[in-house]
Each structure stands twice: as C-alpha cells, then as structure tokens.
Amino acid sequence: MKTITRFSLLVTWLIALGGAHAENIAVMGATIYTMAGAPLKDGVVLMRDGKITALGPKVSVKIPEGYRILQAAVVTPGLIDAHATVGLSGLLNQAQDQDMLEKSSAVQPELRALDAYNAKDPLVSWVRSYGVTTVNTGHAPAALISGQTMIVKTFGRTADEDVINPAAMTAVTLGRNGLTNAEGGPAASKSPGNRSKAVAMLRAELIKAQEYAKKREAKDESKRPGRDLKTETLLRALAGVQPLLITANRQQDIISALRLAQEFNLKIILDGCADAPMVLAQIKASGFPVIVHPTMQRSYEDMENLSVETAGKLHAAGIPIALQSSYEAYVPKTRVVLFEAAVAAAHGLGFEPALASITSGAASLLGIADRTGSLVVGKDADLALYDGDPFEYTSHCLGTIVGGIVFADGAH
C-alpha cells in the first residue's frame, strides 16, 4: 500500500468535509494496532454510523461502494487521557477560561466538571489534533476535594452532547497541593495545614456522609435532613459507584489513601504516585490501579522522586496503569499524553504497554472499555492516524476520527 503524503491527505479531508457528521469510512493502514490482538499489517477498518463494522487484512475486507477511503502508515485506537483539566483550564490562561479550581473552600465534592466544561475551547481541539479522542477531565488536584470529573469525547460540540460519564470520579488531593500553603489553592482559613489535618478532614466528611445516610432512612419524614449535594456525592463514593480519584505523590500520602480505602471500604484510583516505587508491594496488594504522573512532569516538592521509569516499574509489578496530562499552574495547563507515553515507552515501559496506557488500559481503568480503547467491531469509531511511529517526535498525526467524524489538525 502506498501511503499518501500528510499534506495531500489533509487537503483531501478538508475539501471533502461538508459538515461534522459521522461518515461511512474505510481506513487503510500499513500497521493497525487494534489493542485487542496482534497488530494488523496492511489492514482495513470499516466504519458506519459512528461505529466500527469490520476490520482485518485488506485482502479479506471488502470496501463497500461509496465509502471514503483514508490511508496512513500507522493506525491506533483514539488516545485516552486518563486525568486532565482540559476544557476547564483554557488556552488563554485568563480569568474567563480558568474554571479548574474553586478557591472558596477546600471541600467541594458537589462541583461538577460538566457544569464548567467548554467543549469549544481551543485546547480541546489541540489535544484532539494529536489523536486524543477521550479525556477524563475535571477540577484541578489543588484542594482537598476539588470536585467531580467527567469523561468526555473531544468532538467539540457541547458538554451534554460529548459526555460519556457526567460524574466519573470525585477528585481528592493528599499532600502539599491540598494544604494551605499550596500555590493557587483555597484560602488558608479553609484548607488543612498539614497532612494529618487533611486526612482527618476527609475522614470526618466520610463519617458525616454515613450519618446523613442513616438519618435519611428515618421512618418519620419530619426527622429526615434536607438534601445535601456535598454529602450525596460522598455517599456515591461510599457505595462504590463513584470512586475517589486520590492524587498522592509522597509515599506516606499513598499509604494514607490506602488506609482510608480500607477503613471505609472505598473504591479508589491512585493518581500521581511519584513515590510509587517505594511502596509497590502495598499498591499491588490493594488491587487499585494507578493513573501515573506525566512522565515529563517537573520534579519538585512532593514530586521530587518522580521518574521517567515510574510507569515501567508499576507495569512490571503487574499494577494496572494509565497515563495522563494532569495539571500544573503554568500555561497552557495541559500536556499531550502521546508524548508522555512516548517517553515512558523509551524508559522501561515498552511500545505496546505504553500504547495500552493511553488506549485499552486507560479505557479499562475508566470503565469505558465497552465503547472505546480498542478497535473492535461494535465499538465507537475512534481512531488516530499517523504518518509513522506515533512515539517518534518526527511523526505527525494526520488526523483523528471521533465517533466516525473526521478531524484534520483540529479542523472539521
């Protein structure tokens, strides 16, 4: 198969597109990583009505008449960013597009990313232009409980149209970023001053939620408390239906997170985990997955022990992982998981495990593997097309397909 040039492919797509709608598409790839089996050589993926309808070697997959044919050297499932603030933190870095943190209180689990997400922010299309089709995004890890995340496709329409899960996780931060002296965090009078206070406050909130649940079951309706959105959110965590996403980088904070999970029988997802190699056995024994800190994150304060090898060590230990863009307090406040995975691949993780950490593994961790993360008949038509090895910086993302809609360098 001859792969057409990046320029001619982009021109072809941009001319052909008459609007943002799912099309009947055939993608031909010299190598197709399905992430559900061995890579396909000289393969074809067929899509109709936003779903994958067939795939296999091109000698055995017939392309129906009227299908638009796209070609690329390498095809992967659409990339998944397992923890981001994109859509809440915007491109301009000005007050009007910075909704990733509410500073009035350290404990605000009732805040929903869905109510602030800007699907049309240029950062959404920017990450999409590198192959990212799905993000778990929400409030920044810079408060004890900063709010709820949402899982959303990067179509760029509206939050309600693009959302997969409007209340995926509740974001908790243990460690310096959740304390009074954290840069950009809530007011000192509202935040814990040290680690012990932070864990005590979190424990107190969970106990309040337990007591609230009992009172709501009172036979005498007059004795039932009024609805409390904060407490109801934590009740979902206690019930195990909306896990806590606990950002913890220091080893003592990781252990505190595991202790709380055991104490309250919580379902948690560990996030960051710069010190993970120090407590691998405890993380492994817990059974909880880890959304690893960005491979290239800056090493300072609680992250002073982070390493480009952390993801590889967690994977080698048999701990489920995904990678993320995360959040830092400088522009543009987001990263591209493609590049983070590339560096992890070169430092102990390896190519296919690194690709899994931003596709199939991330989908499993986020609970969306029935829809995306691998190229399988019946799943969403989410694909990323590259002109070479996607982890080589000299390669380019030719275009991204989200739910059967083709985007070229962010445009459609």
Protein backbone atom coordinates (compact mmCIF):
# COMPACT_ATOMS: atom_id res chain seq x y z
CA MET A 1 0.00 0.00 0.00
CA LYS A 2 1.30 3.43 -0.87
CA THR A 3 0.71 5.92 1.95
CA ILE A 4 -0.25 9.33 0.62
CA THR A 5 1.56 12.38 1.94
CA ARG A 6 0.44 14.25 5.03
CA PHE A 7 -0.24 17.42 3.04
CA SER A 8 -2.32 15.75 0.34
CA LEU A 9 -4.28 13.79 2.94
CA LEU A 10 -5.14 16.92 4.88
CA VAL A 11 -6.18 18.77 1.76
CA THR A 12 -8.34 15.83 0.67
CA TRP A 13 -10.07 15.67 4.05
CA LEU A 14 -10.63 19.38 4.35
CA ILE A 15 -12.11 19.68 0.88
CA ALA A 16 -14.33 16.62 1.27
CA LEU A 17 -15.79 17.50 4.63
CA GLY A 18 -19.10 19.27 4.31
CA GLY A 19 -20.03 19.21 7.99
CA ALA A 20 -19.43 17.48 11.28
CA HIS A 21 -21.27 14.20 10.85
CA ALA A 22 -20.41 10.51 11.03
CA GLU A 23 -19.50 9.11 7.64
CA ASN A 24 -19.03 5.75 6.00
CA ILE A 25 -15.26 5.44 6.14
CA ALA A 26 -12.60 2.89 5.29
CA VAL A 27 -9.22 3.45 6.92
CA MET A 28 -6.32 1.58 5.37
CA GLY A 29 -3.19 1.24 7.46
CA ALA A 30 0.22 -0.26 6.80
CA THR A 31 0.13 -1.19 10.50
CA ILE A 32 -3.04 -1.14 12.59
CA TYR A 33 -2.71 -1.56 16.34
CA THR A 34 -6.12 -2.84 17.36
CA MET A 35 -5.08 -3.30 21.04
CA ALA A 36 -7.33 -6.37 21.01
CA GLY A 37 -4.84 -8.76 19.44
CA ALA A 38 -1.79 -8.77 17.23
CA PRO A 39 -1.23 -5.73 15.00
CA LEU A 40 -2.69 -5.95 11.53
CA LYS A 41 -0.35 -5.49 8.58
CA ASP A 42 -1.90 -3.87 5.51
CA GLY A 43 -5.23 -3.76 7.27
CA VAL A 44 -8.58 -2.06 6.84
CA VAL A 45 -11.08 -0.68 9.35
CA LEU A 46 -14.63 -0.02 8.17
CA MET A 47 -16.90 2.46 9.98
CA ARG A 48 -20.57 3.28 9.58
CA ASP A 49 -22.88 5.42 11.74
CA GLY A 50 -20.07 6.17 14.16
CA LYS A 51 -19.26 2.52 14.90
CA ILE A 52 -16.64 0.04 13.71
CA THR A 53 -18.35 -2.51 11.48
CA ALA A 54 -15.43 -4.61 10.18
CA LEU A 55 -11.66 -4.87 10.28
CA GLY A 56 -8.97 -7.21 9.06
CA PRO A 57 -6.34 -7.65 6.34
CA LYS A 58 -7.22 -5.70 3.22
CA VAL A 59 -7.22 -8.91 1.16
CA SER A 60 -10.20 -10.15 3.19
CA VAL A 61 -12.15 -6.96 3.91
CA LYS A 62 -14.17 -5.63 1.01
CA ILE A 63 -14.68 -1.87 0.98
CA PRO A 64 -18.30 -1.10 0.03
CA GLU A 65 -19.11 1.37 -2.71
CA GLY A 66 -19.40 4.97 -1.60
CA TYR A 67 -17.04 4.69 1.37
CA ARG A 68 -14.44 7.41 1.75
CA ILE A 69 -11.01 5.83 1.89
CA LEU A 70 -8.29 7.25 4.14
CA GLN A 71 -4.75 5.91 4.40
CA ALA A 72 -1.99 6.13 6.96
CA ALA A 73 1.25 4.38 7.86
CA VAL A 74 0.10 3.64 11.42
CA VAL A 75 -3.43 3.48 12.83
CA THR A 76 -4.25 3.21 16.55
CA PRO A 77 -7.37 3.46 18.66
CA GLY A 78 -8.18 7.03 19.61
CA LEU A 79 -5.99 8.09 22.52
CA ILE A 80 -7.41 8.44 26.03
CA ASP A 81 -6.17 10.98 28.58
CA ALA A 82 -6.99 9.41 31.95
CA HIS A 83 -6.76 12.63 34.00
CA ALA A 84 -6.82 16.17 32.69
CA THR A 85 -8.24 19.63 33.27
CA VAL A 86 -8.64 20.45 29.57
CA GLY A 87 -11.98 22.11 28.89
CA LEU A 88 -11.92 23.69 32.36
CA SER A 89 -8.44 25.17 32.05
CA GLY A 90 -8.41 27.05 28.76
CA LEU A 91 -5.94 28.19 26.16
CA LEU A 92 -5.91 31.89 27.04
CA ASN A 93 -4.94 31.44 30.70
CA GLN A 94 -7.18 34.37 31.59
CA ALA A 95 -9.86 34.61 34.25
CA GLN A 96 -12.70 33.82 31.86
CA ASP A 97 -11.30 30.41 30.86
CA GLN A 98 -9.88 29.19 34.16
CA ASP A 99 -12.58 27.09 35.84
CA MET A 100 -10.39 24.24 37.09
CA LEU A 101 -10.40 25.33 40.74
CA GLU A 102 -12.94 26.96 43.07
CA LYS A 103 -10.98 28.58 45.90
CA SER A 104 -13.76 29.37 48.37
CA SER A 105 -13.44 26.05 50.21
CA ALA A 106 -11.15 23.05 50.47
CA VAL A 107 -14.04 20.56 50.40
CA GLN A 108 -16.43 20.84 47.46
CA PRO A 109 -17.28 17.38 46.10
CA GLU A 110 -20.59 18.68 44.75
CA LEU A 111 -18.88 20.66 41.98
CA ARG A 112 -19.37 19.03 38.57
CA ALA A 113 -16.93 19.36 35.70
CA LEU A 114 -19.95 19.02 33.41
CA ASP A 115 -21.19 22.45 34.50
CA ALA A 116 -17.95 24.18 33.52
CA TYR A 117 -16.60 22.16 30.60
CA ASN A 118 -16.04 24.23 27.44
CA ALA A 119 -16.11 21.80 24.54
CA LYS A 120 -15.14 24.55 22.12
CA ASP A 121 -12.01 25.72 23.93
CA PRO A 122 -9.03 25.56 21.54
CA LEU A 123 -7.17 23.27 23.93
CA VAL A 124 -9.77 20.58 23.28
CA SER A 125 -9.15 20.65 19.53
CA TRP A 126 -5.40 20.96 20.15
CA VAL A 127 -5.16 17.67 22.07
CA ARG A 128 -7.51 16.11 19.52
CA SER A 129 -5.08 17.07 16.76
CA TYR A 130 -2.57 14.64 18.30
CA GLY A 131 -5.03 11.75 18.32
CA VAL A 132 -6.78 12.24 21.67
CA THR A 133 -10.45 11.28 21.39
CA THR A 134 -11.45 10.87 25.05
CA VAL A 135 -10.50 12.65 28.29
CA ASN A 136 -11.31 12.19 31.95
CA THR A 137 -11.29 15.84 32.90
CA GLY A 138 -12.30 17.97 35.83
CA HIS A 139 -11.21 20.21 38.66
CA ALA A 140 -7.53 20.54 39.43
CA PRO A 141 -5.79 18.48 42.13
CA ALA A 142 -5.15 21.58 44.21
CA ALA A 143 -7.70 21.25 47.04
CA LEU A 144 -8.62 18.51 49.49
CA ILE A 145 -11.77 17.68 47.50
CA SER A 146 -11.97 19.81 44.36
CA GLY A 147 -14.99 18.33 42.56
CA GLN A 148 -16.16 15.60 40.21
CA THR A 149 -14.55 14.60 36.95
CA MET A 150 -16.34 13.78 33.71
CA ILE A 151 -15.40 11.50 30.82
CA VAL A 152 -15.97 13.21 27.51
CA LYS A 153 -15.24 12.77 23.82
CA THR A 154 -13.29 15.53 22.06
CA PHE A 155 -15.90 16.25 19.38
CA GLY A 156 -16.00 19.92 20.36
CA ARG A 157 -19.79 20.30 20.29
CA THR A 158 -21.26 20.87 23.77
CA ALA A 159 -20.66 19.21 27.12
CA ASP A 160 -24.04 17.48 27.03
CA GLU A 161 -23.53 16.16 23.51
CA ASP A 162 -19.98 14.94 24.05
CA VAL A 163 -20.15 13.46 27.58
CA ILE A 164 -19.80 9.73 28.23
CA ASN A 165 -19.95 9.82 32.03
CA PRO A 166 -21.02 13.11 33.65
CA ALA A 167 -19.88 12.10 37.16
CA ALA A 168 -16.99 9.69 36.80
CA MET A 169 -14.90 10.26 39.93
CA THR A 170 -14.52 12.60 42.90
CA ALA A 171 -11.11 14.26 42.96
CA VAL A 172 -9.22 14.22 46.27
CA THR A 173 -5.73 15.57 46.91
CA LEU A 174 -3.47 14.37 49.71
CA GLY A 175 -0.15 16.11 50.17
CA ARG A 176 1.17 19.61 49.65
CA ASN A 177 -1.19 20.63 46.84
CA GLY A 178 -4.16 20.23 49.16
CA LEU A 179 -2.67 22.25 52.03
CA THR A 180 -2.90 25.93 52.99
CA ASN A 181 0.49 26.82 51.53
CA ALA A 182 -0.25 25.32 48.13
CA GLU A 183 0.18 27.73 45.24
CA GLY A 184 -3.18 28.78 43.84
CA GLY A 185 -5.17 26.69 46.33
CA PRO A 186 -8.12 27.66 48.55
CA ALA A 187 -7.77 30.27 51.27
CA ALA A 188 -5.66 29.31 54.28
CA SER A 189 -8.66 29.54 56.62
CA LYS A 190 -10.47 26.94 54.53
CA SER A 191 -7.67 24.41 53.95
CA PRO A 192 -5.84 21.89 56.12
CA GLY A 193 -2.44 22.99 57.36
CA ASN A 194 -0.70 19.64 57.37
CA ARG A 195 -1.13 16.03 56.27
CA SER A 196 -2.73 14.84 59.50
CA LYS A 197 -5.35 17.57 59.31
CA ALA A 198 -6.08 16.77 55.66
CA VAL A 199 -6.73 13.09 56.35
CA ALA A 200 -8.76 13.96 59.47
CA MET A 201 -10.94 16.36 57.46
CA LEU A 202 -11.51 13.77 54.75
CA ARG A 203 -12.33 11.11 57.33
CA ALA A 204 -14.77 13.49 59.05
CA GLU A 205 -16.57 14.20 55.77
CA LEU A 206 -16.97 10.48 55.07
CA ILE A 207 -18.34 9.87 58.58
CA LYS A 208 -20.80 12.75 58.12
CA ALA A 209 -21.98 11.12 54.92
CA GLN A 210 -22.53 7.81 56.69
CA GLU A 211 -24.57 9.54 59.42
CA TYR A 212 -26.54 11.51 56.81
CA ALA A 213 -27.49 8.25 55.06
CA LYS A 214 -28.85 6.82 58.30
CA LYS A 215 -30.88 9.96 59.02
CA ARG A 216 -32.33 9.93 55.51
CA GLU A 217 -33.75 6.47 56.27
CA ALA A 218 -35.70 7.67 59.32
CA LYS A 219 -39.30 6.44 59.30
CA ASP A 220 -40.50 9.85 60.44
CA GLU A 221 -40.12 12.06 57.37
CA SER A 222 -40.03 15.18 59.54
CA LYS A 223 -36.75 13.95 61.02
CA ARG A 224 -35.06 13.37 57.68
CA PRO A 225 -32.45 16.01 56.79
CA GLY A 226 -32.84 18.10 53.65
CA ARG A 227 -30.87 17.17 50.58
CA ASP A 228 -27.16 17.95 50.70
CA LEU A 229 -25.32 17.73 47.38
CA LYS A 230 -21.90 17.56 49.03
CA THR A 231 -22.89 14.63 51.20
CA GLU A 232 -24.76 12.84 48.43
CA THR A 233 -21.63 12.90 46.30
CA LEU A 234 -19.60 11.30 49.07
CA LEU A 235 -22.34 8.71 49.55
CA ARG A 236 -21.75 7.56 45.99
CA ALA A 237 -18.09 7.08 46.91
CA LEU A 238 -19.06 5.10 50.00
CA ALA A 239 -21.37 2.96 47.87
CA GLY A 240 -18.55 2.27 45.42
CA VAL A 241 -20.41 3.64 42.40
CA GLN A 242 -18.30 6.79 42.01
CA PRO A 243 -14.69 6.14 43.00
CA LEU A 244 -12.40 8.62 44.69
CA LEU A 245 -9.56 9.74 42.46
CA ILE A 246 -6.88 10.36 45.08
CA THR A 247 -3.86 12.36 43.99
CA ALA A 248 -0.99 11.30 46.25
CA ASN A 249 2.69 11.58 45.39
CA ARG A 250 4.58 11.12 48.66
CA GLN A 251 4.77 7.55 49.88
CA GLN A 252 3.09 8.46 53.18
CA ASP A 253 0.18 10.02 51.28
CA ILE A 254 -0.18 6.91 49.13
CA ILE A 255 -0.31 4.80 52.28
CA SER A 256 -2.86 7.18 53.84
CA ALA A 257 -5.06 6.80 50.76
CA LEU A 258 -4.87 3.01 51.03
CA ARG A 259 -5.62 3.18 54.75
CA LEU A 260 -8.74 5.29 54.17
CA ALA A 261 -9.90 2.98 51.42
CA GLN A 262 -9.66 0.02 53.76
CA GLU A 263 -11.28 1.87 56.65
CA PHE A 264 -14.34 2.92 54.65
CA ASN A 265 -14.35 0.07 52.09
CA LEU A 266 -13.84 2.59 49.30
CA LYS A 267 -13.15 2.06 45.65
CA ILE A 268 -10.27 4.39 44.80
CA ILE A 269 -7.97 5.17 41.91
CA LEU A 270 -4.50 6.35 42.84
CA ASP A 271 -3.24 9.35 40.92
CA GLY A 272 0.27 10.77 40.52
CA CYS A 273 2.22 8.36 42.74
CA ALA A 274 5.71 9.80 42.26
CA ASP A 275 6.92 7.68 45.19
CA ALA A 276 5.21 4.53 43.91
CA PRO A 277 8.46 2.52 43.58
CA MET A 278 8.91 2.86 47.36
CA VAL A 279 5.56 1.21 48.11
CA LEU A 280 5.00 -1.09 45.14
CA ALA A 281 4.07 -4.05 47.33
CA GLN A 282 1.37 -2.12 49.17
CA ILE A 283 -0.13 -0.73 45.95
CA LYS A 284 -0.08 -4.18 44.36
CA ALA A 285 -1.73 -5.77 47.39
CA SER A 286 -4.50 -3.14 47.38
CA GLY A 287 -5.61 -4.07 43.87
CA PHE A 288 -6.18 -0.42 42.99
CA PRO A 289 -5.00 0.98 39.65
CA VAL A 290 -2.73 4.00 39.18
CA ILE A 291 -3.03 6.95 36.83
CA VAL A 292 0.69 7.68 36.72
CA HIS A 293 2.05 11.21 36.88
CA PRO A 294 3.02 12.67 33.48
CA THR A 295 6.34 11.12 32.55
CA MET A 296 7.89 14.52 31.87
CA GLN A 297 6.36 16.37 34.82
CA ARG A 298 8.69 18.74 36.63
CA SER A 299 10.45 17.22 39.64
CA TYR A 300 9.94 19.39 42.71
CA GLU A 301 8.32 19.36 46.18
CA ASP A 302 6.05 16.29 46.51
CA MET A 303 7.15 15.17 43.04
CA GLU A 304 10.88 15.28 43.77
CA ASN A 305 11.16 11.49 43.47
CA LEU A 306 9.24 11.14 40.21
CA SER A 307 10.98 9.35 37.39
CA VAL A 308 10.57 8.62 33.70
CA GLU A 309 10.76 4.97 34.78
CA THR A 310 7.79 5.04 37.21
CA ALA A 311 5.24 3.79 34.68
CA GLY A 312 7.51 0.94 33.64
CA LYS A 313 8.07 -0.15 37.24
CA LEU A 314 4.35 -0.15 38.02
CA HIS A 315 3.61 -2.15 34.88
CA ALA A 316 6.38 -4.64 35.65
CA ALA A 317 4.84 -5.13 39.09
CA GLY A 318 1.52 -6.07 37.48
CA ILE A 319 -0.31 -2.92 38.62
CA PRO A 320 -2.92 -1.60 36.14
CA ILE A 321 -1.89 1.83 34.88
CA ALA A 322 -2.92 4.66 32.61
CA LEU A 323 -1.14 7.87 31.71
CA GLN A 324 -2.38 11.43 31.95
CA SER A 325 -1.75 15.05 31.01
CA SER A 326 -2.55 16.20 34.57
CA TYR A 327 -2.38 19.86 35.62
CA GLU A 328 0.29 22.37 36.52
CA ALA A 329 -0.16 26.02 37.37
CA TYR A 330 1.54 27.42 34.26
CA VAL A 331 0.27 27.81 30.71
CA PRO A 332 -1.21 26.03 28.91
CA LYS A 333 -2.03 23.84 31.94
CA THR A 334 -2.23 20.67 29.90
CA ARG A 335 0.06 18.19 28.23
CA VAL A 336 -0.33 15.66 25.43
CA VAL A 337 -0.49 12.04 26.59
CA LEU A 338 1.00 10.90 23.28
CA PHE A 339 4.33 12.45 24.22
CA GLU A 340 4.17 11.26 27.84
CA ALA A 341 3.64 7.70 26.63
CA ALA A 342 6.48 8.01 24.14
CA VAL A 343 8.97 8.87 26.88
CA ALA A 344 7.60 6.12 29.14
CA ALA A 345 7.97 3.64 26.28
CA ALA A 346 11.65 4.52 25.96
CA HIS A 347 12.28 4.22 29.71
CA GLY A 348 11.19 0.77 30.66
CA LEU A 349 7.52 0.56 29.71
CA GLY A 350 7.94 -0.59 26.11
CA PHE A 351 5.95 0.25 23.00
CA GLU A 352 2.73 -1.75 23.31
CA PRO A 353 2.32 -1.32 27.10
CA ALA A 354 2.84 2.42 26.59
CA LEU A 355 0.24 2.47 23.82
CA ALA A 356 -2.12 0.46 26.06
CA SER A 357 -1.66 3.05 28.84
CA ILE A 358 -3.34 5.64 26.60
CA THR A 359 -5.81 3.33 24.83
CA SER A 360 -7.08 -0.06 26.05
CA GLY A 361 -5.60 0.14 29.56
CA ALA A 362 -6.94 3.63 30.10
CA ALA A 363 -10.37 2.57 28.84
CA SER A 364 -10.47 -0.33 31.29
CA LEU A 365 -9.37 1.85 34.19
CA LEU A 366 -12.05 4.44 33.37
CA GLY A 367 -14.78 1.86 32.88
CA ILE A 368 -15.40 2.66 29.22
CA ALA A 369 -13.77 -0.35 27.55
CA ASP A 370 -17.14 -1.44 26.19
CA ARG A 371 -17.13 1.66 23.98
CA THR A 372 -13.58 2.64 23.17
CA GLY A 373 -9.88 1.96 23.76
CA SER A 374 -9.50 -0.80 21.15
CA LEU A 375 -10.52 -1.39 17.56
CA VAL A 376 -13.27 -3.99 17.79
CA VAL A 377 -16.46 -4.43 15.78
CA GLY A 378 -19.31 -2.63 17.53
CA LYS A 379 -17.17 -0.14 19.41
CA ASP A 380 -17.09 3.60 18.76
CA ALA A 381 -15.24 4.64 15.62
CA ASP A 382 -12.42 6.42 17.49
CA LEU A 383 -9.11 6.25 15.63
CA ALA A 384 -5.82 8.13 15.36
CA LEU A 385 -3.85 8.12 12.11
CA TYR A 386 -0.11 8.76 11.90
CA ASP A 387 2.47 9.00 9.13
CA GLY A 388 4.95 6.92 11.13
CA ASP A 389 5.66 5.51 14.58
CA PRO A 390 3.36 7.62 16.81
CA PHE A 391 6.03 7.72 19.55
CA GLU A 392 8.64 9.26 17.26
CA TYR A 393 8.67 13.05 17.54
CA THR A 394 9.27 13.33 13.79
CA SER A 395 5.95 11.60 13.11
CA HIS A 396 2.73 13.52 12.64
CA CYS A 397 -0.87 12.85 13.47
CA LEU A 398 -2.54 13.03 10.08
CA GLY A 399 -5.98 13.18 11.57
CA THR A 400 -8.30 11.95 14.27
CA ILE A 401 -11.63 10.17 13.93
CA VAL A 402 -14.07 10.66 16.82
CA GLY A 403 -17.28 8.68 16.63
CA GLY A 404 -16.97 8.44 12.86
CA ILE A 405 -16.33 12.17 12.39
CA VAL A 406 -13.03 13.00 10.73
CA PHE A 407 -10.89 15.84 12.05
CA ALA A 408 -7.69 17.04 10.44
CA ASP A 409 -5.33 19.00 12.68
CA GLY A 410 -8.27 20.08 14.82
CA ALA A 411 -10.38 21.32 11.91
CA HIS A 412 -13.50 19.67 10.56
